[in-house]
Amino acid sequence: MAGFLQSDVNIYKLEKIAAARDFISKLPKKYIAFAGISGSVSYDPLPEDDIDIFIISRKNQLWLLLIYAFLARRRLGNQDICISLCMDTEFAHNFFTPSMDGLQKQDAHHVIPVSGKEYFSEILRRMEDSRKSPPMGKYASDDATGFSRHPKSIVNLVAYILLASYLNVKGLIFNHRMNARGTSDHCYTVRAGTHHFYLDTQKYARLRSENSSR
């Protein structure tokens, strides 16, 4: 952070938050349970930092939403936007639990909500509560309803097969370039399933390992 004044950092953060809000406003709200900003922008970003977008969709609608998200990113032409952590309500219900490690919990509390703040507040509450909790709020039906009762689930599955394949190939090409440049810390593994998509970076894996060893 040397060479940067705190006022500069605040300007970068405000600009990046504004860009994230603009991007999220382009997404169809009917698919969204929560959308916010994670990563370095939720702390103190540098000018070159990506804008990490965190999205929770309604159940079985994640990959439909991701199609809109990647198209919106292309239309805006903002290469700083990074769609890096995405899941549906079913995955979120099982992901944000008391068993999460300390760094993950810290990052979750730093997320900047843009849409669905009340829902995410329930997630944070449940994450810190060791007692088993029921499905959350108005999205309880999302978590309790079976796959076959979602008309969009088949379309979501097709979208997953097509888009996840493309993103995996794109990730392999990116990692090859980073390794060739000697910057393997930027490499990532695509973690994708019908209910989730996120970029598991080597840098974050290292930070989690260092945090757990303290």
C-alpha atoms as a PDB file:
ATOM      1  CA  MET A   1       0.000   0.000   0.000  1.00  0.00           C
ATOM      2  CA  ALA A   2       3.097   2.211   0.139  1.00  0.00           C
ATOM      3  CA  GLY A   3       2.880   5.261  -2.099  1.00  0.00           C
ATOM      4  CA  PHE A   4      -0.907   5.549  -1.832  1.00  0.00           C
ATOM      5  CA  LEU A   5      -2.750   7.934   0.456  1.00  0.00           C
ATOM      6  CA  GLN A   6      -5.847   6.694   2.275  1.00  0.00           C
ATOM      7  CA  SER A   7      -7.895   9.244   0.324  1.00  0.00           C
ATOM      8  CA  ASP A   8      -6.661   7.668  -2.924  1.00  0.00           C
ATOM      9  CA  VAL A   9      -7.724   4.226  -1.711  1.00  0.00           C
ATOM     10  CA  ASN A  10     -11.178   5.545  -0.828  1.00  0.00           C
ATOM     11  CA  ILE A  11     -11.563   7.053  -4.304  1.00  0.00           C
ATOM     12  CA  TYR A  12     -10.594   3.763  -5.948  1.00  0.00           C
ATOM     13  CA  LYS A  13     -13.042   1.923  -3.714  1.00  0.00           C
ATOM     14  CA  LEU A  14     -15.931   4.292  -4.441  1.00  0.00           C
ATOM     15  CA  GLU A  15     -15.276   4.120  -8.178  1.00  0.00           C
ATOM     16  CA  LYS A  16     -15.152   0.325  -8.152  1.00  0.00           C
ATOM     17  CA  ILE A  17     -18.289   0.058  -6.018  1.00  0.00           C
ATOM     18  CA  ALA A  18     -20.105   2.349  -8.466  1.00  0.00           C
ATOM     19  CA  ALA A  19     -18.987   0.156 -11.379  1.00  0.00           C
ATOM     20  CA  ALA A  20     -20.202  -2.971  -9.557  1.00  0.00           C
ATOM     21  CA  ARG A  21     -23.574  -1.386  -8.808  1.00  0.00           C
ATOM     22  CA  ASP A  22     -23.945  -0.411 -12.447  1.00  0.00           C
ATOM     23  CA  PHE A  23     -23.141  -3.962 -13.549  1.00  0.00           C
ATOM     24  CA  ILE A  24     -25.539  -5.576 -11.067  1.00  0.00           C
ATOM     25  CA  SER A  25     -28.324  -3.196 -12.143  1.00  0.00           C
ATOM     26  CA  LYS A  26     -28.132  -4.780 -15.611  1.00  0.00           C
ATOM     27  CA  LEU A  27     -29.014  -8.250 -14.287  1.00  0.00           C
ATOM     28  CA  PRO A  28     -32.603  -9.622 -14.228  1.00  0.00           C
ATOM     29  CA  LYS A  29     -33.861  -9.226 -10.665  1.00  0.00           C
ATOM     30  CA  LYS A  30     -36.292 -12.144 -10.976  1.00  0.00           C
ATOM     31  CA  TYR A  31     -33.368 -14.587 -10.811  1.00  0.00           C
ATOM     32  CA  ILE A  32     -31.475 -12.887  -7.961  1.00  0.00           C
ATOM     33  CA  ALA A  33     -31.662 -13.680  -4.244  1.00  0.00           C
ATOM     34  CA  PHE A  34     -28.529 -11.643  -3.468  1.00  0.00           C
ATOM     35  CA  ALA A  35     -25.852  -9.708  -5.318  1.00  0.00           C
ATOM     36  CA  GLY A  36     -22.886  -7.920  -3.828  1.00  0.00           C
ATOM     37  CA  ILE A  37     -19.187  -7.108  -3.948  1.00  0.00           C
ATOM     38  CA  SER A  38     -16.517  -9.331  -2.440  1.00  0.00           C
ATOM     39  CA  GLY A  39     -12.730  -9.605  -2.669  1.00  0.00           C
ATOM     40  CA  SER A  40     -10.301  -6.703  -2.327  1.00  0.00           C
ATOM     41  CA  VAL A  41     -12.911  -4.035  -3.154  1.00  0.00           C
ATOM     42  CA  SER A  42     -14.742  -4.960   0.050  1.00  0.00           C
ATOM     43  CA  TYR A  43     -11.521  -4.101   1.906  1.00  0.00           C
ATOM     44  CA  ASP A  44      -9.030  -1.497   0.545  1.00  0.00           C
ATOM     45  CA  PRO A  45      -8.500  -1.979  -3.218  1.00  0.00           C
ATOM     46  CA  LEU A  46      -5.582  -0.879  -5.345  1.00  0.00           C
ATOM     47  CA  PRO A  47      -6.192   0.666  -8.797  1.00  0.00           C
ATOM     48  CA  GLU A  48      -5.333  -2.582 -10.587  1.00  0.00           C
ATOM     49  CA  ASP A  49      -7.587  -4.819  -8.457  1.00  0.00           C
ATOM     50  CA  ASP A  50     -10.507  -6.653 -10.029  1.00  0.00           C
ATOM     51  CA  ILE A  51     -14.092  -5.984  -8.974  1.00  0.00           C
ATOM     52  CA  ASP A  52     -15.249  -9.340  -7.623  1.00  0.00           C
ATOM     53  CA  ILE A  53     -18.976  -9.911  -8.038  1.00  0.00           C
ATOM     54  CA  PHE A  54     -20.751 -12.279  -5.649  1.00  0.00           C
ATOM     55  CA  ILE A  55     -24.172 -13.580  -6.712  1.00  0.00           C
ATOM     56  CA  ILE A  56     -26.723 -15.912  -5.136  1.00  0.00           C
ATOM     57  CA  SER A  57     -29.487 -16.892  -7.532  1.00  0.00           C
ATOM     58  CA  ARG A  58     -32.788 -18.553  -6.802  1.00  0.00           C
ATOM     59  CA  LYS A  59     -32.583 -22.332  -6.847  1.00  0.00           C
ATOM     60  CA  ASN A  60     -32.023 -23.948 -10.270  1.00  0.00           C
ATOM     61  CA  GLN A  61     -31.659 -20.551 -11.963  1.00  0.00           C
ATOM     62  CA  LEU A  62     -27.933 -19.928 -11.476  1.00  0.00           C
ATOM     63  CA  TRP A  63     -26.710 -20.655 -14.992  1.00  0.00           C
ATOM     64  CA  LEU A  64     -29.593 -18.774 -16.586  1.00  0.00           C
ATOM     65  CA  LEU A  65     -28.499 -15.775 -14.525  1.00  0.00           C
ATOM     66  CA  LEU A  66     -24.847 -16.306 -15.407  1.00  0.00           C
ATOM     67  CA  ILE A  67     -25.637 -16.109 -19.118  1.00  0.00           C
ATOM     68  CA  TYR A  68     -27.145 -12.664 -18.520  1.00  0.00           C
ATOM     69  CA  ALA A  69     -24.190 -11.726 -16.304  1.00  0.00           C
ATOM     70  CA  PHE A  70     -21.474 -12.585 -18.822  1.00  0.00           C
ATOM     71  CA  LEU A  71     -23.409 -10.888 -21.639  1.00  0.00           C
ATOM     72  CA  ALA A  72     -23.822  -7.763 -19.485  1.00  0.00           C
ATOM     73  CA  ARG A  73     -20.092  -7.751 -18.739  1.00  0.00           C
ATOM     74  CA  ARG A  74     -19.320  -7.958 -22.444  1.00  0.00           C
ATOM     75  CA  ARG A  75     -21.752  -5.136 -23.289  1.00  0.00           C
ATOM     76  CA  LEU A  76     -20.307  -2.850 -20.590  1.00  0.00           C
ATOM     77  CA  GLY A  77     -16.761  -3.605 -21.713  1.00  0.00           C
ATOM     78  CA  ASN A  78     -15.430  -3.283 -18.154  1.00  0.00           C
ATOM     79  CA  GLN A  79     -12.601  -5.807 -17.898  1.00  0.00           C
ATOM     80  CA  ASP A  80     -12.257  -5.138 -14.167  1.00  0.00           C
ATOM     81  CA  ILE A  81     -15.572  -6.884 -13.487  1.00  0.00           C
ATOM     82  CA  CYS A  82     -14.841 -10.422 -12.306  1.00  0.00           C
ATOM     83  CA  ILE A  83     -17.796 -12.787 -11.872  1.00  0.00           C
ATOM     84  CA  SER A  84     -15.944 -14.882  -9.341  1.00  0.00           C
ATOM     85  CA  LEU A  85     -18.321 -16.291  -6.731  1.00  0.00           C
ATOM     86  CA  CYS A  86     -21.785 -17.489  -7.698  1.00  0.00           C
ATOM     87  CA  MET A  87     -24.221 -20.025  -6.273  1.00  0.00           C
ATOM     88  CA  ASP A  88     -27.928 -20.658  -5.892  1.00  0.00           C
ATOM     89  CA  THR A  89     -29.869 -20.607  -2.620  1.00  0.00           C
ATOM     90  CA  GLU A  90     -29.533 -24.364  -2.136  1.00  0.00           C
ATOM     91  CA  PHE A  91     -25.734 -24.231  -2.358  1.00  0.00           C
ATOM     92  CA  ALA A  92     -25.563 -21.094  -0.179  1.00  0.00           C
ATOM     93  CA  HIS A  93     -27.636 -22.812   2.513  1.00  0.00           C
ATOM     94  CA  ASN A  94     -24.975 -25.537   2.784  1.00  0.00           C
ATOM     95  CA  PHE A  95     -21.940 -23.343   2.102  1.00  0.00           C
ATOM     96  CA  PHE A  96     -22.309 -20.625   4.764  1.00  0.00           C
ATOM     97  CA  THR A  97     -22.126 -22.705   7.943  1.00  0.00           C
ATOM     98  CA  PRO A  98     -20.295 -22.478  11.279  1.00  0.00           C
ATOM     99  CA  SER A  99     -17.697 -24.916   9.910  1.00  0.00           C
ATOM    100  CA  MET A 100     -16.314 -22.312   7.485  1.00  0.00           C
ATOM    101  CA  ASP A 101     -12.730 -21.289   8.217  1.00  0.00           C
ATOM    102  CA  GLY A 102     -11.844 -17.956   9.774  1.00  0.00           C
ATOM    103  CA  LEU A 103     -10.768 -16.225   6.556  1.00  0.00           C
ATOM    104  CA  GLN A 104     -13.950 -17.241   4.727  1.00  0.00           C
ATOM    105  CA  LYS A 105     -16.088 -15.927   7.587  1.00  0.00           C
ATOM    106  CA  GLN A 106     -14.124 -12.674   7.678  1.00  0.00           C
ATOM    107  CA  ASP A 107     -14.559 -12.205   3.939  1.00  0.00           C
ATOM    108  CA  ALA A 108     -18.279 -12.968   4.201  1.00  0.00           C
ATOM    109  CA  HIS A 109     -18.721 -10.213   6.787  1.00  0.00           C
ATOM    110  CA  HIS A 110     -16.864  -7.784   4.493  1.00  0.00           C
ATOM    111  CA  VAL A 111     -19.146  -8.397   1.489  1.00  0.00           C
ATOM    112  CA  ILE A 112     -20.821  -5.186   0.333  1.00  0.00           C
ATOM    113  CA  PRO A 113     -24.519  -5.881  -0.372  1.00  0.00           C
ATOM    114  CA  VAL A 114     -26.093  -4.344  -3.474  1.00  0.00           C
ATOM    115  CA  SER A 115     -29.306  -6.373  -3.745  1.00  0.00           C
ATOM    116  CA  GLY A 116     -30.902  -8.755  -1.234  1.00  0.00           C
ATOM    117  CA  LYS A 117     -29.286  -7.331   1.900  1.00  0.00           C
ATOM    118  CA  GLU A 118     -31.912  -8.820   4.239  1.00  0.00           C
ATOM    119  CA  TYR A 119     -31.424 -12.310   2.812  1.00  0.00           C
ATOM    120  CA  PHE A 120     -27.633 -12.109   3.162  1.00  0.00           C
ATOM    121  CA  SER A 121     -27.973 -10.860   6.743  1.00  0.00           C
ATOM    122  CA  GLU A 122     -29.857 -14.091   7.487  1.00  0.00           C
ATOM    123  CA  ILE A 123     -27.027 -16.070   5.886  1.00  0.00           C
ATOM    124  CA  LEU A 124     -24.450 -14.338   8.105  1.00  0.00           C
ATOM    125  CA  ARG A 125     -26.563 -14.953  11.185  1.00  0.00           C
ATOM    126  CA  ARG A 126     -26.892 -18.633  10.315  1.00  0.00           C
ATOM    127  CA  MET A 127     -23.165 -18.883   9.586  1.00  0.00           C
ATOM    128  CA  GLU A 128     -22.362 -17.839  13.164  1.00  0.00           C
ATOM    129  CA  ASP A 129     -25.090 -19.976  14.775  1.00  0.00           C
ATOM    130  CA  SER A 130     -23.942 -23.493  15.692  1.00  0.00           C
ATOM    131  CA  ARG A 131     -27.546 -24.656  16.088  1.00  0.00           C
ATOM    132  CA  LYS A 132     -29.201 -26.242  13.050  1.00  0.00           C
ATOM    133  CA  SER A 133     -31.407 -23.617  11.378  1.00  0.00           C
ATOM    134  CA  PRO A 134     -34.406 -24.049   9.071  1.00  0.00           C
ATOM    135  CA  PRO A 135     -34.367 -22.706   5.481  1.00  0.00           C
ATOM    136  CA  MET A 136     -34.188 -18.930   5.400  1.00  0.00           C
ATOM    137  CA  GLY A 137     -37.033 -16.465   5.069  1.00  0.00           C
ATOM    138  CA  LYS A 138     -38.944 -16.046   1.820  1.00  0.00           C
ATOM    139  CA  TYR A 139     -36.417 -18.305   0.033  1.00  0.00           C
ATOM    140  CA  ALA A 140     -37.383 -21.335   2.135  1.00  0.00           C
ATOM    141  CA  SER A 141     -39.413 -22.704  -0.776  1.00  0.00           C
ATOM    142  CA  ASP A 142     -36.326 -22.475  -2.999  1.00  0.00           C
ATOM    143  CA  ASP A 143     -34.420 -24.774  -0.665  1.00  0.00           C
ATOM    144  CA  ALA A 144     -37.286 -27.190  -0.039  1.00  0.00           C
ATOM    145  CA  THR A 145     -38.563 -27.645  -3.579  1.00  0.00           C
ATOM    146  CA  GLY A 146     -37.307 -30.561  -5.650  1.00  0.00           C
ATOM    147  CA  PHE A 147     -35.540 -30.314  -8.988  1.00  0.00           C
ATOM    148  CA  SER A 148     -38.474 -31.667 -11.012  1.00  0.00           C
ATOM    149  CA  ARG A 149     -40.809 -28.907  -9.806  1.00  0.00           C
ATOM    150  CA  HIS A 150     -38.683 -26.148 -11.374  1.00  0.00           C
ATOM    151  CA  PRO A 151     -39.722 -25.563 -15.006  1.00  0.00           C
ATOM    152  CA  LYS A 152     -36.453 -23.763 -15.711  1.00  0.00           C
ATOM    153  CA  SER A 153     -34.254 -26.525 -14.272  1.00  0.00           C
ATOM    154  CA  ILE A 154     -33.712 -28.321 -17.592  1.00  0.00           C
ATOM    155  CA  VAL A 155     -32.809 -25.060 -19.327  1.00  0.00           C
ATOM    156  CA  ASN A 156     -30.490 -24.277 -16.430  1.00  0.00           C
ATOM    157  CA  LEU A 157     -28.811 -27.660 -16.870  1.00  0.00           C
ATOM    158  CA  VAL A 158     -28.239 -27.051 -20.581  1.00  0.00           C
ATOM    159  CA  ALA A 159     -26.873 -23.574 -19.817  1.00  0.00           C
ATOM    160  CA  TYR A 160     -24.529 -25.116 -17.246  1.00  0.00           C
ATOM    161  CA  ILE A 161     -23.164 -27.700 -19.695  1.00  0.00           C
ATOM    162  CA  LEU A 162     -22.484 -25.102 -22.392  1.00  0.00           C
ATOM    163  CA  LEU A 163     -21.223 -22.205 -20.285  1.00  0.00           C
ATOM    164  CA  ALA A 164     -19.186 -24.245 -17.791  1.00  0.00           C
ATOM    165  CA  SER A 165     -17.351 -25.971 -20.646  1.00  0.00           C
ATOM    166  CA  TYR A 166     -16.452 -22.590 -22.154  1.00  0.00           C
ATOM    167  CA  LEU A 167     -15.323 -21.177 -18.784  1.00  0.00           C
ATOM    168  CA  ASN A 168     -13.128 -24.214 -18.100  1.00  0.00           C
ATOM    169  CA  VAL A 169     -11.377 -23.850 -21.468  1.00  0.00           C
ATOM    170  CA  LYS A 170     -10.980 -20.114 -20.895  1.00  0.00           C
ATOM    171  CA  GLY A 171      -9.442 -20.831 -17.488  1.00  0.00           C
ATOM    172  CA  LEU A 172      -6.921 -23.277 -18.937  1.00  0.00           C
ATOM    173  CA  ILE A 173      -5.817 -20.716 -21.534  1.00  0.00           C
ATOM    174  CA  PHE A 174      -5.509 -17.998 -18.869  1.00  0.00           C
ATOM    175  CA  ASN A 175      -3.471 -20.244 -16.568  1.00  0.00           C
ATOM    176  CA  HIS A 176      -1.127 -21.178 -19.409  1.00  0.00           C
ATOM    177  CA  ARG A 177      -0.450 -17.484 -20.046  1.00  0.00           C
ATOM    178  CA  MET A 178       0.111 -16.735 -16.355  1.00  0.00           C
ATOM    179  CA  ASN A 179       2.523 -19.647 -15.962  1.00  0.00           C
ATOM    180  CA  ALA A 180       4.420 -18.513 -19.057  1.00  0.00           C
ATOM    181  CA  ARG A 181       4.804 -15.061 -17.486  1.00  0.00           C
ATOM    182  CA  GLY A 182       5.929 -16.508 -14.155  1.00  0.00           C
ATOM    183  CA  THR A 183       2.847 -15.195 -12.337  1.00  0.00           C
ATOM    184  CA  SER A 184       1.262 -18.488 -11.296  1.00  0.00           C
ATOM    185  CA  ASP A 185      -0.209 -16.841  -8.184  1.00  0.00           C
ATOM    186  CA  HIS A 186      -2.933 -15.482 -10.480  1.00  0.00           C
ATOM    187  CA  CYS A 187      -3.888 -18.946 -11.749  1.00  0.00           C
ATOM    188  CA  TYR A 188      -7.237 -20.387 -10.770  1.00  0.00           C
ATOM    189  CA  THR A 189      -9.323 -23.534 -10.917  1.00  0.00           C
ATOM    190  CA  VAL A 190     -12.922 -23.306 -12.112  1.00  0.00           C
ATOM    191  CA  ARG A 191     -15.232 -24.919  -9.572  1.00  0.00           C
ATOM    192  CA  ALA A 192     -18.573 -25.496 -11.251  1.00  0.00           C
ATOM    193  CA  GLY A 193     -21.713 -27.546 -10.739  1.00  0.00           C
ATOM    194  CA  THR A 194     -25.386 -27.026 -11.473  1.00  0.00           C
ATOM    195  CA  HIS A 195     -25.750 -25.078  -8.213  1.00  0.00           C
ATOM    196  CA  HIS A 196     -22.432 -23.205  -8.039  1.00  0.00           C
ATOM    197  CA  PHE A 197     -19.641 -21.483  -9.940  1.00  0.00           C
ATOM    198  CA  TYR A 198     -16.549 -19.874  -8.473  1.00  0.00           C
ATOM    199  CA  LEU A 199     -12.909 -19.226  -9.248  1.00  0.00           C
ATOM    200  CA  ASP A 200     -10.592 -20.945  -6.779  1.00  0.00           C
ATOM    201  CA  THR A 201      -7.373 -18.931  -7.095  1.00  0.00           C
ATOM    202  CA  GLN A 202      -3.961 -20.128  -5.994  1.00  0.00           C
ATOM    203  CA  LYS A 203      -3.490 -16.848  -4.150  1.00  0.00           C
ATOM    204  CA  TYR A 204      -6.627 -17.349  -2.050  1.00  0.00           C
ATOM    205  CA  ALA A 205      -5.737 -20.992  -1.373  1.00  0.00           C
ATOM    206  CA  ARG A 206      -2.357 -19.817  -0.053  1.00  0.00           C
ATOM    207  CA  LEU A 207      -3.983 -17.162   2.160  1.00  0.00           C
ATOM    208  CA  ARG A 208      -6.399 -19.739   3.614  1.00  0.00           C
ATOM    209  CA  SER A 209      -3.520 -22.094   4.324  1.00  0.00           C
ATOM    210  CA  GLU A 210      -1.514 -19.366   6.055  1.00  0.00           C
ATOM    211  CA  ASN A 211      -4.549 -18.274   8.061  1.00  0.00           C
ATOM    212  CA  SER A 212      -5.343 -21.815   9.248  1.00  0.00           C
ATOM    213  CA  SER A 213      -1.738 -22.405  10.381  1.00  0.00           C
ATOM    214  CA  ARG A 214      -1.685 -19.418  12.701  1.00  0.00           C
END
